[in-house]
C-alpha atoms as a PDB file:
ATOM      1  CA  MET A   1      84.886 -88.342   1.801  1.00  0.00           C
ATOM      2  CA  ALA A   2      84.394 -92.278   1.885  1.00  0.00           C
ATOM      3  CA  LYS A   3      84.732 -94.300   5.071  1.00  0.00           C
ATOM      4  CA  ASN A   4      88.217 -95.500   4.220  1.00  0.00           C
ATOM      5  CA  GLY A   5      90.096 -91.528   3.761  1.00  0.00           C
ATOM      6  CA  SER A   6      89.766 -91.866  -0.322  1.00  0.00           C
ATOM      7  CA  LEU A   7      87.528 -89.584  -2.569  1.00  0.00           C
ATOM      8  CA  PRO A   8      84.680 -90.758  -4.037  1.00  0.00           C
ATOM      9  CA  ALA A   9      84.824 -91.512  -7.685  1.00  0.00           C
ATOM     10  CA  HIS A  10      83.165 -88.038  -8.649  1.00  0.00           C
ATOM     11  CA  GLU A  11      85.812 -86.339  -6.658  1.00  0.00           C
ATOM     12  CA  ALA A  12      88.737 -88.178  -7.842  1.00  0.00           C
ATOM     13  CA  PRO A  13      91.421 -86.099  -8.452  1.00  0.00           C
ATOM     14  CA  ARG A  14      92.626 -85.795 -12.382  1.00  0.00           C
ATOM     15  CA  ASP A  15      96.127 -85.890 -13.128  1.00  0.00           C
ATOM     16  CA  TYR A  16      95.662 -84.893 -16.439  1.00  0.00           C
ATOM     17  CA  LEU A  17      93.770 -81.514 -15.624  1.00  0.00           C
ATOM     18  CA  SER A  18      96.536 -80.256 -13.190  1.00  0.00           C
ATOM     19  CA  ASP A  19      97.546 -76.996 -13.113  1.00  0.00           C
ATOM     20  CA  ARG A  20     100.851 -77.717 -11.994  1.00  0.00           C
ATOM     21  CA  ILE A  21     103.698 -76.362 -14.239  1.00  0.00           C
ATOM     22  CA  GLU A  22     106.237 -79.023 -15.309  1.00  0.00           C
ATOM     23  CA  GLU A  23     109.155 -78.478 -17.412  1.00  0.00           C
ATOM     24  CA  ARG A  24     109.915 -80.260 -20.297  1.00  0.00           C
ATOM     25  CA  PRO A  25     113.318 -81.978 -20.656  1.00  0.00           C
ATOM     26  CA  SER A  26     115.419 -80.076 -23.318  1.00  0.00           C
ATOM     27  CA  SER A  27     116.876 -82.423 -25.944  1.00  0.00           C
ATOM     28  CA  GLN A  28     120.387 -82.161 -27.204  1.00  0.00           C
ATOM     29  CA  ALA A  29     119.274 -81.098 -30.654  1.00  0.00           C
ATOM     30  CA  SER A  30     117.385 -78.312 -29.460  1.00  0.00           C
ATOM     31  CA  MET A  31     120.572 -77.185 -27.081  1.00  0.00           C
ATOM     32  CA  ARG A  32     122.574 -77.645 -30.117  1.00  0.00           C
ATOM     33  CA  TRP A  33     120.295 -75.651 -32.663  1.00  0.00           C
ATOM     34  CA  ALA A  34     119.779 -72.688 -29.814  1.00  0.00           C
ATOM     35  CA  SER A  35     123.551 -72.764 -29.197  1.00  0.00           C
ATOM     36  CA  LEU A  36     124.581 -72.411 -32.670  1.00  0.00           C
ATOM     37  CA  LEU A  37     122.142 -69.560 -33.669  1.00  0.00           C
ATOM     38  CA  THR A  38     123.175 -67.589 -30.613  1.00  0.00           C
ATOM     39  CA  TRP A  39     126.839 -67.805 -31.422  1.00  0.00           C
ATOM     40  CA  PHE A  40     126.230 -67.236 -35.406  1.00  0.00           C
ATOM     41  CA  MET A  41     124.287 -63.898 -34.242  1.00  0.00           C
ATOM     42  CA  ARG A  42     127.707 -63.131 -32.277  1.00  0.00           C
ATOM     43  CA  LEU A  43     129.492 -63.377 -35.393  1.00  0.00           C
ATOM     44  CA  LEU A  44     127.140 -61.583 -37.174  1.00  0.00           C
ATOM     45  CA  SER A  45     127.132 -58.955 -34.412  1.00  0.00           C
ATOM     46  CA  ILE A  46     130.842 -58.418 -34.803  1.00  0.00           C
ATOM     47  CA  ILE A  47     130.326 -57.962 -38.640  1.00  0.00           C
ATOM     48  CA  TRP A  48     128.003 -55.480 -38.410  1.00  0.00           C
ATOM     49  CA  ILE A  49     129.780 -53.438 -35.775  1.00  0.00           C
ATOM     50  CA  MET A  50     132.675 -53.256 -37.821  1.00  0.00           C
ATOM     51  CA  LYS A  51     130.326 -51.981 -40.442  1.00  0.00           C
ATOM     52  CA  GLY A  52     128.577 -49.364 -38.358  1.00  0.00           C
ATOM     53  CA  LEU A  53     131.892 -48.119 -37.412  1.00  0.00           C
ATOM     54  CA  SER A  54     133.313 -48.137 -41.086  1.00  0.00           C
ATOM     55  CA  SER A  55     130.440 -45.995 -41.657  1.00  0.00           C
ATOM     56  CA  TRP A  56     131.102 -43.625 -38.624  1.00  0.00           C
ATOM     57  CA  ALA A  57     134.637 -43.408 -39.963  1.00  0.00           C
ATOM     58  CA  ILE A  58     133.244 -42.120 -43.085  1.00  0.00           C
ATOM     59  CA  ILE A  59     131.064 -39.345 -41.555  1.00  0.00           C
ATOM     60  CA  LEU A  60     133.887 -38.223 -39.116  1.00  0.00           C
ATOM     61  CA  GLY A  61     136.576 -38.110 -41.964  1.00  0.00           C
ATOM     62  CA  VAL A  62     138.642 -40.696 -40.621  1.00  0.00           C
ATOM     63  CA  TRP A  63     138.295 -42.932 -43.405  1.00  0.00           C
ATOM     64  CA  THR A  64     136.930 -41.410 -46.497  1.00  0.00           C
ATOM     65  CA  PRO A  65     137.385 -43.353 -49.999  1.00  0.00           C
ATOM     66  CA  ILE A  66     135.680 -41.057 -52.373  1.00  0.00           C
ATOM     67  CA  GLY A  67     136.171 -37.593 -50.366  1.00  0.00           C
ATOM     68  CA  GLN A  68     135.045 -35.428 -47.991  1.00  0.00           C
ATOM     69  CA  PHE A  69     131.735 -36.459 -46.342  1.00  0.00           C
ATOM     70  CA  GLU A  70     130.265 -32.806 -46.333  1.00  0.00           C
ATOM     71  CA  VAL A  71     130.645 -32.215 -50.093  1.00  0.00           C
ATOM     72  CA  ARG A  72     129.101 -35.554 -51.014  1.00  0.00           C
ATOM     73  CA  SER A  73     125.450 -35.445 -51.994  1.00  0.00           C
ATOM     74  CA  THR A  74     122.335 -34.987 -49.670  1.00  0.00           C
ATOM     75  CA  GLY A  75     121.260 -38.839 -50.655  1.00  0.00           C
ATOM     76  CA  TYR A  76     124.708 -40.095 -49.446  1.00  0.00           C
ATOM     77  CA  GLN A  77     124.853 -38.496 -46.274  1.00  0.00           C
ATOM     78  CA  ALA A  78     121.551 -39.910 -45.369  1.00  0.00           C
ATOM     79  CA  THR A  79     122.007 -43.354 -46.736  1.00  0.00           C
ATOM     80  CA  ILE A  80     125.653 -43.221 -44.728  1.00  0.00           C
ATOM     81  CA  ILE A  81     123.781 -41.779 -41.380  1.00  0.00           C
ATOM     82  CA  TYR A  82     121.170 -44.494 -41.647  1.00  0.00           C
ATOM     83  CA  PHE A  83     123.614 -47.323 -42.027  1.00  0.00           C
ATOM     84  CA  ALA A  84     125.589 -45.788 -39.233  1.00  0.00           C
ATOM     85  CA  LEU A  85     122.944 -46.225 -36.774  1.00  0.00           C
ATOM     86  CA  ILE A  86     121.069 -49.045 -37.847  1.00  0.00           C
ATOM     87  CA  ASP A  87     123.697 -51.161 -38.354  1.00  0.00           C
ATOM     88  CA  LEU A  88     125.077 -50.555 -34.366  1.00  0.00           C
ATOM     89  CA  ILE A  89     121.633 -51.272 -33.492  1.00  0.00           C
ATOM     90  CA  ALA A  90     121.215 -54.073 -35.090  1.00  0.00           C
ATOM     91  CA  ALA A  91     124.660 -55.083 -33.999  1.00  0.00           C
ATOM     92  CA  VAL A  92     123.708 -54.700 -30.026  1.00  0.00           C
ATOM     93  CA  GLY A  93     120.165 -56.914 -30.685  1.00  0.00           C
ATOM     94  CA  LEU A  94     122.346 -59.563 -32.595  1.00  0.00           C
ATOM     95  CA  TRP A  95     124.725 -59.579 -29.796  1.00  0.00           C
ATOM     96  CA  MET A  96     122.062 -59.865 -26.897  1.00  0.00           C
ATOM     97  CA  ALA A  97     120.496 -62.898 -29.248  1.00  0.00           C
ATOM     98  CA  SER A  98     117.222 -61.374 -28.961  1.00  0.00           C
ATOM     99  CA  THR A  99     114.675 -61.239 -31.694  1.00  0.00           C
ATOM    100  CA  TRP A 100     114.773 -57.388 -32.046  1.00  0.00           C
ATOM    101  CA  GLY A 101     118.313 -57.959 -32.913  1.00  0.00           C
ATOM    102  CA  GLY A 102     117.568 -60.387 -35.746  1.00  0.00           C
ATOM    103  CA  ILE A 103     114.646 -58.158 -37.331  1.00  0.00           C
ATOM    104  CA  MET A 104     116.821 -55.061 -37.119  1.00  0.00           C
ATOM    105  CA  TRP A 105     119.838 -56.668 -39.012  1.00  0.00           C
ATOM    106  CA  LEU A 106     117.311 -58.065 -41.395  1.00  0.00           C
ATOM    107  CA  LEU A 107     115.930 -54.754 -41.885  1.00  0.00           C
ATOM    108  CA  ALA A 108     119.810 -53.433 -42.203  1.00  0.00           C
ATOM    109  CA  VAL A 109     120.747 -55.925 -44.583  1.00  0.00           C
ATOM    110  CA  MET A 110     117.157 -55.929 -46.948  1.00  0.00           C
ATOM    111  CA  SER A 111     118.089 -51.734 -46.853  1.00  0.00           C
ATOM    112  CA  HIS A 112     121.437 -52.161 -48.532  1.00  0.00           C
ATOM    113  CA  LEU A 113     120.260 -54.778 -50.891  1.00  0.00           C
ATOM    114  CA  ILE A 114     117.375 -52.511 -52.183  1.00  0.00           C
ATOM    115  CA  LEU A 115     119.738 -49.398 -51.826  1.00  0.00           C
ATOM    116  CA  ALA A 116     122.360 -51.450 -53.990  1.00  0.00           C
ATOM    117  CA  ALA A 117     119.757 -52.433 -56.738  1.00  0.00           C
ATOM    118  CA  PHE A 118     118.447 -48.879 -57.023  1.00  0.00           C
ATOM    119  CA  PHE A 119     121.365 -46.642 -56.391  1.00  0.00           C
ATOM    120  CA  PRO A 120     124.603 -48.602 -57.301  1.00  0.00           C
ATOM    121  CA  GLY A 121     126.612 -45.069 -57.008  1.00  0.00           C
ATOM    122  CA  ILE A 122     125.969 -44.643 -53.267  1.00  0.00           C
ATOM    123  CA  VAL A 123     126.001 -48.306 -51.686  1.00  0.00           C
ATOM    124  CA  SER A 124     128.322 -50.680 -52.726  1.00  0.00           C
ATOM    125  CA  SER A 125     126.669 -53.614 -54.951  1.00  0.00           C
ATOM    126  CA  GLY A 126     129.603 -55.935 -55.878  1.00  0.00           C
ATOM    127  CA  ILE A 127     128.340 -59.225 -56.955  1.00  0.00           C
ATOM    128  CA  LEU A 128     130.211 -60.711 -54.184  1.00  0.00           C
ATOM    129  CA  THR A 129     128.730 -58.236 -51.572  1.00  0.00           C
ATOM    130  CA  ILE A 130     125.381 -59.333 -52.822  1.00  0.00           C
ATOM    131  CA  ALA A 131     126.129 -63.050 -52.664  1.00  0.00           C
ATOM    132  CA  PHE A 132     127.523 -62.489 -49.200  1.00  0.00           C
ATOM    133  CA  PHE A 133     124.347 -60.978 -47.540  1.00  0.00           C
ATOM    134  CA  LEU A 134     122.158 -63.395 -49.367  1.00  0.00           C
ATOM    135  CA  THR A 135     123.947 -66.253 -47.698  1.00  0.00           C
ATOM    136  CA  LEU A 136     124.056 -64.696 -44.547  1.00  0.00           C
ATOM    137  CA  ILE A 137     119.874 -64.097 -44.809  1.00  0.00           C
ATOM    138  CA  ALA A 138     119.676 -67.816 -45.810  1.00  0.00           C
ATOM    139  CA  VAL A 139     121.663 -69.194 -43.054  1.00  0.00           C
ATOM    140  CA  TYR A 140     119.963 -67.140 -40.213  1.00  0.00           C
ATOM    141  CA  LEU A 141     116.615 -68.117 -41.375  1.00  0.00           C
ATOM    142  CA  ALA A 142     117.603 -71.811 -41.804  1.00  0.00           C
ATOM    143  CA  VAL A 143     119.065 -71.806 -38.269  1.00  0.00           C
ATOM    144  CA  SER A 144     116.496 -69.792 -36.737  1.00  0.00           C
ATOM    145  CA  TRP A 145     113.471 -72.006 -38.191  1.00  0.00           C
ATOM    146  CA  LEU A 146     115.911 -75.120 -36.901  1.00  0.00           C
ATOM    147  CA  ALA A 147     115.917 -73.955 -33.320  1.00  0.00           C
ATOM    148  CA  ALA A 148     112.387 -73.048 -32.978  1.00  0.00           C
ATOM    149  CA  ARG A 149     111.120 -76.221 -34.291  1.00  0.00           C
ATOM    150  CA  GLU A 150     113.407 -78.026 -31.944  1.00  0.00           C
ATOM    151  CA  GLU A 151     111.672 -76.130 -29.101  1.00  0.00           C
END
């Protein structure tokens, strides 16, 4: 310690090497994209809850557009059960605005698109459905990228 109470030059504190944690002020744009992403995910969640519940309605016989669920092919039954589960799991994750919810939703949508391409008799494959799903994917990826970029 020097006579005047200050530290010698070789012991001077270095603020740029400090261990303290400082919070960056968030910008309005960051809050805007993150908020938009959260609300978009919640809107998707509502849509996917309806989609999952429609699969359960088919399984339980409440709504069967083609006939009884039990008399359908095993492939059809497996596909409906798969979507009844994954759509509701994705919807919960989307509502929570979690990363795993977005990933599960992308898995559900891509599964639907791939099955629609290879098995159009089992999964609806109308051009409007495919265009709607592709648009949702593009919007989700764009808003996610913008929200991550602003943070």
